[in-house]
């Protein structure tokens, strides 16, 4: 999962203009929301990676 996110983050950094809301909207009406969705999913993936160890520890403590 992390490898996929890193690949997308590299793409987002090399093609940052494509993920800019104004540029994406000029390219296509559908591109702007799609670019925002990709960025949101990358952020969500980072958060999940941070809390995963905490959830494991919590589950271990509950047992």
C-alpha atoms as a PDB file:
ATOM      1  CA  UNK A   1       0.000   0.000   0.000  1.00  0.00           C
ATOM      2  CA  UNK A   2       2.771   2.391   0.909  1.00  0.00           C
ATOM      3  CA  UNK A   3       4.563   1.672  -2.366  1.00  0.00           C
ATOM      4  CA  UNK A   4       1.478   2.661  -4.338  1.00  0.00           C
ATOM      5  CA  UNK A   5       1.080   5.846  -2.345  1.00  0.00           C
ATOM      6  CA  UNK A   6       4.728   6.741  -2.868  1.00  0.00           C
ATOM      7  CA  UNK A   7       4.375   6.199  -6.601  1.00  0.00           C
ATOM      8  CA  UNK A   8       1.327   8.469  -6.687  1.00  0.00           C
ATOM      9  CA  UNK A   9       3.121  11.083  -4.565  1.00  0.00           C
ATOM     10  CA  UNK A  10       6.051  11.051  -7.022  1.00  0.00           C
ATOM     11  CA  UNK A  11       3.611  11.488  -9.894  1.00  0.00           C
ATOM     12  CA  UNK A  12       1.876  14.319  -8.064  1.00  0.00           C
ATOM     13  CA  UNK A  13       5.182  16.091  -7.461  1.00  0.00           C
ATOM     14  CA  UNK A  14       6.519  15.669 -11.005  1.00  0.00           C
ATOM     15  CA  UNK A  15       3.203  16.671 -12.573  1.00  0.00           C
ATOM     16  CA  UNK A  16       2.126  19.152  -9.911  1.00  0.00           C
ATOM     17  CA  UNK A  17       0.484  21.424 -12.495  1.00  0.00           C
ATOM     18  CA  UNK A  18      -1.919  18.623 -13.368  1.00  0.00           C
ATOM     19  CA  UNK A  19      -3.073  18.465  -9.756  1.00  0.00           C
ATOM     20  CA  UNK A  20      -3.549  22.214  -9.395  1.00  0.00           C
ATOM     21  CA  UNK A  21      -7.344  22.768  -9.250  1.00  0.00           C
ATOM     22  CA  UNK A  22      -7.326  25.607 -11.804  1.00  0.00           C
ATOM     23  CA  UNK A  23      -5.129  23.751 -14.277  1.00  0.00           C
ATOM     24  CA  UNK A  24      -7.090  20.546 -13.867  1.00  0.00           C
ATOM     25  CA  UNK A  25     -10.376  22.358 -14.460  1.00  0.00           C
ATOM     26  CA  UNK A  26      -9.018  23.920 -17.641  1.00  0.00           C
ATOM     27  CA  UNK A  27      -8.071  20.456 -18.891  1.00  0.00           C
ATOM     28  CA  UNK A  28     -11.454  18.924 -18.144  1.00  0.00           C
ATOM     29  CA  UNK A  29     -14.472  19.504 -15.946  1.00  0.00           C
ATOM     30  CA  UNK A  30     -14.026  16.003 -14.522  1.00  0.00           C
ATOM     31  CA  UNK A  31     -10.269  16.382 -13.966  1.00  0.00           C
ATOM     32  CA  UNK A  32     -10.461  18.873 -11.082  1.00  0.00           C
ATOM     33  CA  UNK A  33     -12.596  16.713  -8.774  1.00  0.00           C
ATOM     34  CA  UNK A  34     -10.592  13.649  -9.749  1.00  0.00           C
ATOM     35  CA  UNK A  35      -7.316  15.382  -8.873  1.00  0.00           C
ATOM     36  CA  UNK A  36      -8.790  16.465  -5.526  1.00  0.00           C
ATOM     37  CA  UNK A  37      -9.954  12.893  -4.890  1.00  0.00           C
ATOM     38  CA  UNK A  38      -6.455  11.534  -5.575  1.00  0.00           C
ATOM     39  CA  UNK A  39      -4.881  14.079  -3.217  1.00  0.00           C
ATOM     40  CA  UNK A  40      -7.419  13.261  -0.501  1.00  0.00           C
ATOM     41  CA  UNK A  41      -6.740   9.537  -0.842  1.00  0.00           C
ATOM     42  CA  UNK A  42      -2.997  10.101  -0.529  1.00  0.00           C
ATOM     43  CA  UNK A  43      -3.570  12.056   2.689  1.00  0.00           C
ATOM     44  CA  UNK A  44      -5.918   9.348   3.979  1.00  0.00           C
ATOM     45  CA  UNK A  45      -3.299   6.689   3.247  1.00  0.00           C
ATOM     46  CA  UNK A  46      -0.684   8.626   5.233  1.00  0.00           C
ATOM     47  CA  UNK A  47      -3.043   8.881   8.201  1.00  0.00           C
ATOM     48  CA  UNK A  48      -3.861   5.175   8.040  1.00  0.00           C
ATOM     49  CA  UNK A  49      -0.156   4.308   8.044  1.00  0.00           C
ATOM     50  CA  UNK A  50       0.305   6.421  11.171  1.00  0.00           C
ATOM     51  CA  UNK A  51      -2.600   4.973  13.129  1.00  0.00           C
ATOM     52  CA  UNK A  52      -2.216   1.325  12.076  1.00  0.00           C
ATOM     53  CA  UNK A  53       0.407   0.546  14.778  1.00  0.00           C
ATOM     54  CA  UNK A  54      -1.740   2.285  17.372  1.00  0.00           C
ATOM     55  CA  UNK A  55      -4.775   0.215  16.394  1.00  0.00           C
ATOM     56  CA  UNK A  56      -2.726  -2.973  16.648  1.00  0.00           C
ATOM     57  CA  UNK A  57      -1.521  -2.002  20.101  1.00  0.00           C
ATOM     58  CA  UNK A  58      -5.052  -1.141  21.180  1.00  0.00           C
ATOM     59  CA  UNK A  59      -6.360  -4.499  19.958  1.00  0.00           C
ATOM     60  CA  UNK A  60      -3.532  -6.276  21.747  1.00  0.00           C
ATOM     61  CA  UNK A  61      -4.349  -4.479  24.979  1.00  0.00           C
ATOM     62  CA  UNK A  62      -8.040  -5.330  24.656  1.00  0.00           C
ATOM     63  CA  UNK A  63      -7.207  -9.032  24.459  1.00  0.00           C
END
